[in-house]
């Protein structure tokens, strides 16, 4: 119990100025103060270069796809009456060992079989996309529908397939270097 004679006194608080124990600034880090901006600049430069290459790859992929889709439709479309002439024209869209393999396949197998039963085919790429692009080489995925007519078929036969097509940029032209079913 507090009596009237007792006075309340407030506790005394001593305030002193605190000095920070951790001092930040160029003097505290010495030569390391410029390390963070240097690292950030290096990361920014790396991202700029990588992104620039990505844009080139995207452009390459789009250019290759635009050129190759029509070529694949032509390669897979033929008429038994003109298949020999078409094979020579189509060779200009091919490169590497694939060009030789394709010419041999058409001459030795496809043309004789097509002429025997009067086969005509019409290929159409219904969808396509870039799987990978690395400068002068692009890999594409194509969804192809082929309509086949023949003296042995009462009705046209429609088939679908997926193809992985590898294209290479040769002297500014996108040429097919591989065509593989998936």
N, C-alpha and C. Protein backbone atom coordinates (compact mmCIF):
# COMPACT_ATOMS: atom_id res chain seq x y z
N UNK A 1 0.82 -1.14 0.00
CA UNK A 1 0.00 0.00 0.00
C UNK A 1 0.89 1.24 0.00
N UNK A 2 0.45 2.25 -0.72
CA UNK A 2 1.24 3.48 -0.85
C UNK A 2 0.61 4.53 0.05
N UNK A 3 1.46 5.18 0.78
CA UNK A 3 0.95 6.23 1.66
C UNK A 3 1.14 7.58 1.00
N UNK A 4 0.53 8.57 1.53
CA UNK A 4 0.57 9.90 0.95
C UNK A 4 1.94 10.52 1.03
N UNK A 5 2.74 10.07 1.96
CA UNK A 5 4.05 10.67 2.11
C UNK A 5 5.06 10.12 1.10
N UNK A 6 4.77 8.98 0.56
CA UNK A 6 5.70 8.42 -0.43
C UNK A 6 5.48 9.08 -1.77
N UNK A 7 6.53 9.42 -2.39
CA UNK A 7 6.41 10.02 -3.72
C UNK A 7 6.82 9.00 -4.76
N UNK A 8 6.16 9.10 -5.81
CA UNK A 8 6.51 8.22 -6.93
C UNK A 8 7.60 8.90 -7.72
N UNK A 9 8.63 8.15 -7.96
CA UNK A 9 9.69 8.69 -8.78
C UNK A 9 9.83 7.81 -10.02
N UNK A 10 10.05 8.46 -11.08
CA UNK A 10 10.19 7.72 -12.35
C UNK A 10 11.59 7.13 -12.42
N UNK A 11 11.70 5.94 -12.97
CA UNK A 11 13.02 5.35 -13.11
C UNK A 11 13.86 6.19 -14.08
N UNK A 12 15.11 6.23 -13.83
CA UNK A 12 16.01 7.00 -14.66
C UNK A 12 16.53 6.10 -15.78
N UNK A 13 16.45 6.63 -16.98
CA UNK A 13 16.94 5.90 -18.15
C UNK A 13 18.09 6.70 -18.73
N UNK A 14 19.20 6.04 -18.88
CA UNK A 14 20.36 6.69 -19.46
C UNK A 14 20.40 6.36 -20.95
N UNK A 15 20.40 7.37 -21.80
CA UNK A 15 20.43 7.20 -23.26
C UNK A 15 21.81 7.58 -23.74
N UNK A 16 22.37 6.67 -24.47
CA UNK A 16 23.67 6.99 -25.06
C UNK A 16 23.60 6.69 -26.55
N UNK A 17 24.42 7.33 -27.25
CA UNK A 17 24.44 7.14 -28.70
C UNK A 17 25.19 5.86 -29.02
N UNK A 18 24.51 4.98 -29.79
CA UNK A 18 25.12 3.71 -30.15
C UNK A 18 25.87 3.86 -31.46
N UNK A 19 27.01 3.31 -31.52
CA UNK A 19 27.79 3.29 -32.75
C UNK A 19 27.57 1.93 -33.40
N UNK A 20 27.30 1.89 -34.71
CA UNK A 20 27.10 0.59 -35.36
C UNK A 20 28.38 -0.23 -35.33
N UNK A 21 28.18 -1.52 -35.06
CA UNK A 21 29.35 -2.40 -35.03
C UNK A 21 29.73 -2.86 -36.44
N UNK A 22 28.78 -2.79 -37.36
CA UNK A 22 29.05 -3.21 -38.75
C UNK A 22 29.02 -1.97 -39.62
N UNK A 23 30.11 -1.65 -40.21
CA UNK A 23 30.19 -0.47 -41.06
C UNK A 23 30.23 -0.93 -42.51
N UNK A 24 29.29 -0.44 -43.30
CA UNK A 24 29.22 -0.81 -44.71
C UNK A 24 29.73 0.34 -45.55
N UNK A 25 30.33 -0.02 -46.66
CA UNK A 25 30.83 1.00 -47.56
C UNK A 25 32.12 0.54 -48.18
N UNK A 26 32.62 1.29 -49.15
CA UNK A 26 33.84 0.89 -49.85
C UNK A 26 35.02 0.68 -48.92
N UNK A 27 35.12 1.46 -47.86
CA UNK A 27 36.28 1.32 -46.98
C UNK A 27 36.25 0.00 -46.21
N UNK A 28 35.05 -0.48 -45.85
CA UNK A 28 34.97 -1.71 -45.06
C UNK A 28 35.24 -2.96 -45.90
N UNK A 29 34.99 -2.90 -47.20
CA UNK A 29 35.18 -4.07 -48.05
C UNK A 29 36.50 -4.04 -48.80
N UNK A 30 37.16 -2.96 -48.80
CA UNK A 30 38.41 -2.86 -49.55
C UNK A 30 38.13 -2.99 -51.04
N UNK A 31 38.88 -3.84 -51.67
CA UNK A 31 38.74 -4.04 -53.13
C UNK A 31 37.46 -4.79 -53.48
N UNK A 32 36.80 -5.46 -52.54
CA UNK A 32 35.63 -6.29 -52.83
C UNK A 32 34.36 -5.49 -53.07
N UNK A 33 34.35 -4.22 -52.79
CA UNK A 33 33.13 -3.43 -52.93
C UNK A 33 32.62 -3.40 -54.36
N UNK A 34 33.49 -3.54 -55.33
CA UNK A 34 33.07 -3.50 -56.74
C UNK A 34 32.82 -4.90 -57.29
N UNK A 35 32.98 -5.94 -56.49
CA UNK A 35 32.80 -7.31 -56.96
C UNK A 35 31.34 -7.60 -57.34
N UNK A 36 30.38 -7.17 -56.54
CA UNK A 36 28.97 -7.44 -56.83
C UNK A 36 28.54 -6.81 -58.16
N UNK A 37 28.83 -5.53 -58.41
CA UNK A 37 28.45 -4.97 -59.72
C UNK A 37 29.13 -5.68 -60.88
N UNK A 38 30.37 -6.11 -60.67
CA UNK A 38 31.09 -6.81 -61.73
C UNK A 38 30.43 -8.15 -62.04
N UNK A 39 30.05 -8.89 -61.00
CA UNK A 39 29.37 -10.18 -61.19
C UNK A 39 28.03 -9.96 -61.88
N UNK A 40 27.27 -8.96 -61.46
CA UNK A 40 25.99 -8.66 -62.10
C UNK A 40 26.17 -8.30 -63.58
N UNK A 41 27.19 -7.54 -63.89
CA UNK A 41 27.45 -7.18 -65.29
C UNK A 41 27.80 -8.42 -66.10
N UNK A 42 28.59 -9.34 -65.53
CA UNK A 42 28.96 -10.57 -66.24
C UNK A 42 27.73 -11.44 -66.48
N UNK A 43 26.86 -11.55 -65.49
CA UNK A 43 25.63 -12.34 -65.65
C UNK A 43 24.75 -11.71 -66.73
N UNK A 44 24.60 -10.40 -66.71
CA UNK A 44 23.79 -9.71 -67.72
C UNK A 44 24.35 -9.93 -69.12
N UNK A 45 25.66 -9.84 -69.27
CA UNK A 45 26.28 -10.06 -70.58
C UNK A 45 26.06 -11.49 -71.06
N UNK A 46 26.19 -12.45 -70.15
CA UNK A 46 25.97 -13.86 -70.51
C UNK A 46 24.53 -14.07 -70.96
N UNK A 47 23.58 -13.54 -70.22
CA UNK A 47 22.17 -13.67 -70.61
C UNK A 47 21.90 -13.02 -71.95
N UNK A 48 22.52 -11.89 -72.21
CA UNK A 48 22.34 -11.21 -73.49
C UNK A 48 22.83 -12.09 -74.64
N UNK A 49 24.00 -12.69 -74.48
CA UNK A 49 24.56 -13.54 -75.53
C UNK A 49 23.71 -14.79 -75.72
N UNK A 50 23.32 -15.44 -74.63
CA UNK A 50 22.50 -16.65 -74.72
C UNK A 50 21.16 -16.34 -75.36
N UNK A 51 20.53 -15.25 -74.96
CA UNK A 51 19.24 -14.89 -75.54
C UNK A 51 19.38 -14.54 -77.01
N UNK A 52 20.45 -13.89 -77.39
CA UNK A 52 20.68 -13.57 -78.80
C UNK A 52 20.81 -14.83 -79.63
N UNK A 53 21.51 -15.83 -79.10
CA UNK A 53 21.64 -17.11 -79.81
C UNK A 53 20.30 -17.81 -79.90
N UNK A 54 19.50 -17.71 -78.84
CA UNK A 54 18.18 -18.33 -78.84
C UNK A 54 17.32 -17.72 -79.95
N UNK A 55 17.39 -16.40 -80.11
CA UNK A 55 16.64 -15.74 -81.17
C UNK A 55 17.09 -16.22 -82.54
N UNK A 56 18.40 -16.39 -82.73
CA UNK A 56 18.92 -16.90 -84.00
C UNK A 56 18.40 -18.31 -84.25
N UNK A 57 18.41 -19.16 -83.20
CA UNK A 57 17.93 -20.52 -83.34
C UNK A 57 16.44 -20.55 -83.68
N UNK A 58 15.65 -19.68 -83.04
CA UNK A 58 14.22 -19.62 -83.36
C UNK A 58 14.02 -19.22 -84.81
N UNK A 59 14.78 -18.24 -85.25
CA UNK A 59 14.68 -17.79 -86.64
C UNK A 59 15.08 -18.91 -87.59
N UNK A 60 16.15 -19.62 -87.28
CA UNK A 60 16.60 -20.74 -88.11
C UNK A 60 15.52 -21.81 -88.18
N UNK A 61 14.93 -22.13 -87.04
CA UNK A 61 13.88 -23.14 -87.00
C UNK A 61 12.69 -22.76 -87.86
N UNK A 62 12.27 -21.51 -87.76
CA UNK A 62 11.12 -21.05 -88.56
C UNK A 62 11.44 -21.06 -90.05
N UNK A 63 12.65 -20.62 -90.41
CA UNK A 63 13.04 -20.63 -91.83
C UNK A 63 13.11 -22.05 -92.37
N UNK A 64 13.70 -22.95 -91.61
CA UNK A 64 13.81 -24.34 -92.05
C UNK A 64 12.43 -24.97 -92.20
N UNK A 65 11.58 -24.72 -91.23
CA UNK A 65 10.23 -25.31 -91.29
C UNK A 65 9.48 -24.81 -92.52
N UNK A 66 9.57 -23.53 -92.79
CA UNK A 66 8.88 -22.97 -93.96
C UNK A 66 9.37 -23.61 -95.26
N UNK A 67 10.67 -23.86 -95.36
CA UNK A 67 11.23 -24.44 -96.58
C UNK A 67 10.97 -25.93 -96.68
N UNK A 68 11.13 -26.64 -95.58
CA UNK A 68 11.13 -28.10 -95.60
C UNK A 68 9.73 -28.69 -95.74
N UNK A 69 8.72 -28.07 -95.17
CA UNK A 69 7.37 -28.63 -95.23
C UNK A 69 6.94 -28.89 -96.67
N UNK A 70 7.12 -27.93 -97.54
CA UNK A 70 6.76 -28.10 -98.95
C UNK A 70 7.59 -29.17 -99.63
N UNK A 71 8.86 -29.25 -99.29
CA UNK A 71 9.73 -30.27 -99.89
C UNK A 71 9.29 -31.68 -99.48
N UNK A 72 8.94 -31.86 -98.22
CA UNK A 72 8.49 -33.18 -97.76
C UNK A 72 7.20 -33.57 -98.47
N UNK A 73 6.30 -32.63 -98.64
CA UNK A 73 5.06 -32.93 -99.36
C UNK A 73 5.37 -33.38 -100.79
N UNK A 74 6.32 -32.72 -101.43
CA UNK A 74 6.71 -33.10 -102.79
C UNK A 74 7.42 -34.46 -102.82
N UNK A 75 8.28 -34.72 -101.84
CA UNK A 75 9.00 -36.00 -101.80
C UNK A 75 8.05 -37.18 -101.64
N UNK A 76 7.02 -37.00 -100.85
CA UNK A 76 6.10 -38.11 -100.56
C UNK A 76 4.91 -38.17 -101.51
N UNK A 77 4.79 -37.21 -102.40
CA UNK A 77 3.73 -37.21 -103.41
C UNK A 77 4.34 -37.61 -104.75
N UNK A 78 3.72 -38.57 -105.42
CA UNK A 78 4.24 -38.95 -106.73
C UNK A 78 3.14 -39.57 -107.58
N UNK A 79 3.40 -39.60 -108.86
CA UNK A 79 2.49 -40.19 -109.85
C UNK A 79 3.29 -41.22 -110.63
N UNK A 80 2.76 -42.40 -110.78
CA UNK A 80 3.49 -43.49 -111.46
C UNK A 80 3.92 -43.10 -112.87
N UNK A 81 3.21 -42.16 -113.51
CA UNK A 81 3.54 -41.77 -114.88
C UNK A 81 4.76 -40.84 -114.95
N UNK A 82 5.05 -40.12 -113.86
CA UNK A 82 6.13 -39.13 -113.89
C UNK A 82 7.15 -39.30 -112.78
N UNK A 83 7.10 -40.41 -112.07
CA UNK A 83 7.97 -40.58 -110.90
C UNK A 83 9.46 -40.51 -111.24
N UNK A 84 9.86 -40.98 -112.39
CA UNK A 84 11.28 -40.93 -112.78
C UNK A 84 11.77 -39.50 -112.93
N UNK A 85 10.95 -38.65 -113.55
CA UNK A 85 11.32 -37.24 -113.73
C UNK A 85 11.31 -36.48 -112.40
N UNK A 86 10.34 -36.80 -111.56
CA UNK A 86 10.21 -36.10 -110.28
C UNK A 86 11.40 -36.38 -109.36
N UNK A 87 11.91 -37.59 -109.39
CA UNK A 87 13.02 -37.95 -108.50
C UNK A 87 14.24 -37.08 -108.76
N UNK A 88 14.51 -36.77 -110.01
CA UNK A 88 15.65 -35.90 -110.33
C UNK A 88 15.45 -34.49 -109.81
N UNK A 89 14.23 -33.97 -109.93
CA UNK A 89 13.95 -32.62 -109.44
C UNK A 89 14.01 -32.55 -107.92
N UNK A 90 13.54 -33.59 -107.27
CA UNK A 90 13.49 -33.59 -105.81
C UNK A 90 14.88 -33.71 -105.18
N UNK A 91 15.83 -34.24 -105.92
CA UNK A 91 17.18 -34.39 -105.40
C UNK A 91 17.83 -33.08 -105.00
N UNK A 92 17.39 -31.98 -105.59
CA UNK A 92 17.99 -30.68 -105.27
C UNK A 92 17.61 -30.19 -103.87
N UNK A 93 16.62 -30.83 -103.23
CA UNK A 93 16.21 -30.45 -101.88
C UNK A 93 16.90 -31.29 -100.81
N UNK A 94 17.75 -32.23 -101.24
CA UNK A 94 18.36 -33.19 -100.32
C UNK A 94 19.86 -32.96 -100.24
N UNK A 95 20.46 -33.43 -99.16
CA UNK A 95 21.90 -33.28 -98.99
C UNK A 95 22.48 -34.49 -98.27
N UNK A 96 23.79 -34.63 -98.41
CA UNK A 96 24.50 -35.71 -97.72
C UNK A 96 24.14 -37.08 -98.26
N UNK A 97 24.35 -38.08 -97.44
CA UNK A 97 24.08 -39.46 -97.86
C UNK A 97 22.59 -39.69 -98.07
N UNK A 98 21.75 -38.87 -97.45
CA UNK A 98 20.31 -39.03 -97.65
C UNK A 98 19.92 -38.81 -99.11
N UNK A 99 20.58 -37.90 -99.78
CA UNK A 99 20.28 -37.64 -101.20
C UNK A 99 20.53 -38.90 -102.03
N UNK A 100 21.65 -39.56 -101.79
CA UNK A 100 21.97 -40.80 -102.53
C UNK A 100 21.02 -41.93 -102.15
N UNK A 101 20.73 -42.07 -100.87
CA UNK A 101 19.82 -43.13 -100.41
C UNK A 101 18.43 -42.94 -100.99
N UNK A 102 17.95 -41.70 -101.03
CA UNK A 102 16.62 -41.42 -101.56
C UNK A 102 16.56 -41.73 -103.06
N UNK A 103 17.56 -41.30 -103.80
CA UNK A 103 17.58 -41.56 -105.25
C UNK A 103 17.57 -43.06 -105.53
N UNK A 104 18.36 -43.82 -104.78
CA UNK A 104 18.41 -45.27 -104.97
C UNK A 104 17.07 -45.91 -104.61
N UNK A 105 16.45 -45.47 -103.53
CA UNK A 105 15.16 -46.02 -103.12
C UNK A 105 14.08 -45.78 -104.17
N UNK A 106 14.02 -44.56 -104.69
CA UNK A 106 13.01 -44.24 -105.70
C UNK A 106 13.27 -45.03 -106.98
N UNK A 107 14.50 -45.04 -107.45
CA UNK A 107 14.83 -45.70 -108.71
C UNK A 107 14.68 -47.22 -108.63
N UNK A 108 15.16 -47.81 -107.55
CA UNK A 108 15.20 -49.27 -107.46
C UNK A 108 13.92 -49.90 -106.92
N UNK A 109 13.19 -49.20 -106.07
CA UNK A 109 12.04 -49.83 -105.43
C UNK A 109 10.71 -49.13 -105.67
N UNK A 110 10.64 -47.85 -105.36
CA UNK A 110 9.35 -47.15 -105.41
C UNK A 110 8.83 -47.03 -106.84
N UNK A 111 9.66 -46.55 -107.77
CA UNK A 111 9.20 -46.34 -109.15
C UNK A 111 8.71 -47.64 -109.80
N UNK A 112 9.47 -48.73 -109.75
CA UNK A 112 8.98 -49.97 -110.37
C UNK A 112 7.66 -50.46 -109.76
N UNK A 113 7.55 -50.39 -108.42
CA UNK A 113 6.33 -50.85 -107.76
C UNK A 113 5.15 -49.93 -108.10
N UNK A 114 5.39 -48.63 -108.15
CA UNK A 114 4.32 -47.67 -108.46
C UNK A 114 3.83 -47.84 -109.90
N UNK A 115 4.75 -48.07 -110.83
CA UNK A 115 4.36 -48.24 -112.23
C UNK A 115 3.61 -49.55 -112.44
N UNK A 116 3.96 -50.55 -111.67
CA UNK A 116 3.31 -51.86 -111.81
C UNK A 116 1.83 -51.80 -111.46
N UNK A 117 1.48 -51.10 -110.38
CA UNK A 117 0.07 -51.06 -109.95
C UNK A 117 -0.52 -49.66 -110.03
N UNK A 118 0.11 -48.80 -110.82
CA UNK A 118 -0.39 -47.45 -111.10
C UNK A 118 -0.73 -46.65 -109.83
N UNK A 119 0.30 -46.44 -109.03
CA UNK A 119 0.13 -45.74 -107.75
C UNK A 119 0.35 -44.24 -107.92
N UNK A 120 -0.54 -43.49 -107.30
CA UNK A 120 -0.33 -42.05 -107.13
C UNK A 120 -0.52 -41.75 -105.65
N UNK A 121 0.28 -40.87 -105.15
CA UNK A 121 0.15 -40.46 -103.75
C UNK A 121 0.13 -38.94 -103.68
N UNK A 122 -0.59 -38.46 -102.69
CA UNK A 122 -0.64 -37.02 -102.43
C UNK A 122 -0.41 -36.83 -100.93
N UNK A 123 0.69 -36.21 -100.58
CA UNK A 123 1.04 -36.00 -99.18
C UNK A 123 0.73 -34.56 -98.77
N UNK A 124 0.28 -34.44 -97.53
CA UNK A 124 -0.03 -33.13 -96.99
C UNK A 124 0.44 -33.07 -95.54
N UNK A 125 1.19 -32.04 -95.20
CA UNK A 125 1.65 -31.86 -93.82
C UNK A 125 0.55 -31.10 -93.08
N UNK A 126 -0.04 -31.77 -92.10
CA UNK A 126 -1.15 -31.15 -91.36
C UNK A 126 -0.66 -30.32 -90.17
N UNK A 127 0.51 -30.65 -89.65
CA UNK A 127 1.09 -29.87 -88.54
C UNK A 127 2.60 -30.08 -88.53
N UNK A 128 3.30 -29.09 -88.05
CA UNK A 128 4.76 -29.19 -87.96
C UNK A 128 5.26 -28.33 -86.82
N UNK A 129 6.41 -28.72 -86.31
CA UNK A 129 7.01 -27.94 -85.24
C UNK A 129 8.51 -28.17 -85.19
N UNK A 130 9.19 -27.24 -84.57
CA UNK A 130 10.64 -27.33 -84.42
C UNK A 130 10.95 -28.10 -83.14
N UNK A 131 11.67 -29.20 -83.28
CA UNK A 131 12.10 -29.99 -82.13
C UNK A 131 13.36 -29.37 -81.54
N UNK A 132 14.32 -29.07 -82.40
CA UNK A 132 15.54 -28.42 -81.95
C UNK A 132 16.13 -27.61 -83.10
N UNK A 133 16.83 -26.56 -82.74
CA UNK A 133 17.48 -25.72 -83.74
C UNK A 133 18.82 -25.28 -83.18
N UNK A 134 19.85 -25.51 -83.97
CA UNK A 134 21.19 -25.14 -83.54
C UNK A 134 21.93 -24.53 -84.72
N UNK A 135 21.63 -23.28 -85.00
CA UNK A 135 22.31 -22.58 -86.09
C UNK A 135 21.99 -23.14 -87.45
N UNK A 136 22.89 -23.97 -87.98
CA UNK A 136 22.75 -24.49 -89.34
C UNK A 136 22.11 -25.87 -89.41
N UNK A 137 21.62 -26.39 -88.29
CA UNK A 137 20.94 -27.69 -88.31
C UNK A 137 19.67 -27.60 -87.47
N UNK A 138 18.58 -28.07 -88.06
CA UNK A 138 17.27 -28.00 -87.41
C UNK A 138 16.61 -29.36 -87.50
N UNK A 139 15.96 -29.75 -86.41
CA UNK A 139 15.19 -30.99 -86.40
C UNK A 139 13.72 -30.63 -86.26
N UNK A 140 12.90 -31.17 -87.15
CA UNK A 140 11.48 -30.86 -87.19
C UNK A 140 10.65 -32.11 -86.97
N UNK A 141 9.46 -31.93 -86.42
CA UNK A 141 8.48 -33.01 -86.32
C UNK A 141 7.32 -32.64 -87.23
N UNK A 142 7.01 -33.52 -88.18
CA UNK A 142 5.93 -33.27 -89.12
C UNK A 142 4.86 -34.34 -88.99
N UNK A 143 3.61 -33.93 -89.02
CA UNK A 143 2.48 -34.84 -89.07
C UNK A 143 1.98 -34.82 -90.51
N UNK A 144 2.05 -35.98 -91.15
CA UNK A 144 1.80 -36.06 -92.59
C UNK A 144 0.61 -36.98 -92.85
N UNK A 145 -0.27 -36.55 -93.74
CA UNK A 145 -1.37 -37.38 -94.21
C UNK A 145 -1.11 -37.69 -95.68
N UNK A 146 -1.17 -38.98 -96.03
CA UNK A 146 -0.91 -39.40 -97.41
C UNK A 146 -2.16 -40.10 -97.95
N UNK A 147 -2.63 -39.62 -99.09
CA UNK A 147 -3.74 -40.26 -99.79
C UNK A 147 -3.15 -41.05 -100.95
N UNK A 148 -3.42 -42.36 -100.98
CA UNK A 148 -2.87 -43.26 -102.00
C UNK A 148 -3.99 -43.80 -102.86
N UNK A 149 -3.77 -43.73 -104.17
CA UNK A 149 -4.69 -44.32 -105.15
C UNK A 149 -3.89 -45.34 -105.96
N UNK A 150 -4.56 -46.43 -106.32
CA UNK A 150 -3.87 -47.49 -107.05
C UNK A 150 -4.90 -48.32 -107.80
N UNK A 151 -4.42 -49.04 -108.83
CA UNK A 151 -5.31 -49.94 -109.57
C UNK A 151 -5.75 -51.10 -108.68
N UNK A 152 -5.06 -51.34 -107.59
CA UNK A 152 -5.43 -52.42 -106.67
C UNK A 152 -6.35 -51.97 -105.55
N UNK A 153 -6.62 -50.69 -105.46
CA UNK A 153 -7.48 -50.17 -104.39
C UNK A 153 -8.81 -49.71 -104.97
N UNK A 154 -9.90 -50.16 -104.37
CA UNK A 154 -11.23 -49.73 -104.82
C UNK A 154 -11.48 -48.27 -104.42
N UNK A 155 -11.01 -47.89 -103.27
CA UNK A 155 -11.17 -46.53 -102.76
C UNK A 155 -9.78 -45.98 -102.39
N UNK A 156 -9.63 -44.67 -102.40
CA UNK A 156 -8.35 -44.11 -101.95
C UNK A 156 -8.08 -44.49 -100.49
N UNK A 157 -6.83 -44.74 -100.18
CA UNK A 157 -6.45 -45.08 -98.81
C UNK A 157 -5.74 -43.87 -98.20
N UNK A 158 -6.21 -43.49 -97.02
CA UNK A 158 -5.63 -42.33 -96.32
C UNK A 158 -4.90 -42.84 -95.09
N UNK A 159 -3.63 -42.48 -95.00
CA UNK A 159 -2.81 -42.88 -93.85
C UNK A 159 -2.13 -41.64 -93.26
N UNK A 160 -1.83 -41.75 -92.00
CA UNK A 160 -1.13 -40.66 -91.32
C UNK A 160 0.17 -41.16 -90.74
N UNK A 161 1.13 -40.30 -90.65
CA UNK A 161 2.40 -40.67 -90.04
C UNK A 161 3.07 -39.44 -89.44
N UNK A 162 4.00 -39.73 -88.56
CA UNK A 162 4.83 -38.68 -87.95
C UNK A 162 6.25 -38.88 -88.46
N UNK A 163 6.87 -37.80 -88.84
CA UNK A 163 8.24 -37.86 -89.35
C UNK A 163 9.12 -36.87 -88.61
N UNK A 164 10.32 -37.32 -88.29
CA UNK A 164 11.34 -36.40 -87.79
C UNK A 164 12.25 -36.10 -88.98
N UNK A 165 12.33 -34.84 -89.33
CA UNK A 165 13.11 -34.40 -90.48
C UNK A 165 14.26 -33.53 -89.99
N UNK A 166 15.46 -33.88 -90.42
CA UNK A 166 16.64 -33.07 -90.10
C UNK A 166 16.99 -32.25 -91.34
N UNK A 167 17.14 -30.96 -91.15
CA UNK A 167 17.48 -30.06 -92.26
C UNK A 167 18.77 -29.33 -91.93
N UNK A 168 19.56 -29.11 -92.97
CA UNK A 168 20.82 -28.38 -92.81
C UNK A 168 20.82 -27.18 -93.74
N UNK A 169 21.40 -26.10 -93.26
CA UNK A 169 21.53 -24.91 -94.08
C UNK A 169 22.81 -25.05 -94.90
N UNK A 170 22.63 -25.20 -96.21
CA UNK A 170 23.76 -25.36 -97.12
C UNK A 170 23.72 -24.19 -98.10
N UNK A 171 24.69 -23.31 -97.98
CA UNK A 171 24.80 -22.14 -98.85
C UNK A 171 23.51 -21.32 -98.87
N UNK A 172 22.88 -21.18 -97.71
CA UNK A 172 21.67 -20.36 -97.59
C UNK A 172 20.37 -21.08 -97.88
N UNK A 173 20.43 -22.35 -98.28
CA UNK A 173 19.22 -23.12 -98.56
C UNK A 173 19.06 -24.22 -97.50
N UNK A 174 17.84 -24.43 -97.04
CA UNK A 174 17.56 -25.49 -96.09
C UNK A 174 17.29 -26.77 -96.86
N UNK A 175 18.18 -27.76 -96.69
CA UNK A 175 18.09 -29.03 -97.39
C UNK A 175 17.87 -30.16 -96.39
N UNK A 176 17.15 -31.18 -96.83
CA UNK A 176 16.83 -32.31 -95.97
C UNK A 176 18.01 -33.27 -95.94
N UNK A 177 18.47 -33.59 -94.72
CA UNK A 177 19.59 -34.52 -94.58
C UNK A 177 19.16 -35.84 -93.93
N UNK A 178 17.95 -35.90 -93.41
CA UNK A 178 17.41 -37.14 -92.85
C UNK A 178 15.90 -37.01 -92.75
N UNK A 179 15.23 -38.14 -92.92
CA UNK A 179 13.77 -38.20 -92.81
C UNK A 179 13.45 -39.56 -92.18
N UNK A 180 13.00 -39.54 -90.94
CA UNK A 180 12.78 -40.79 -90.21
C UNK A 180 11.37 -40.84 -89.64
N UNK A 181 10.68 -41.98 -89.83
CA UNK A 181 9.36 -42.13 -89.21
C UNK A 181 9.51 -42.29 -87.69
N UNK A 182 8.52 -41.83 -86.97
CA UNK A 182 8.53 -41.95 -85.51
C UNK A 182 7.54 -43.02 -85.10
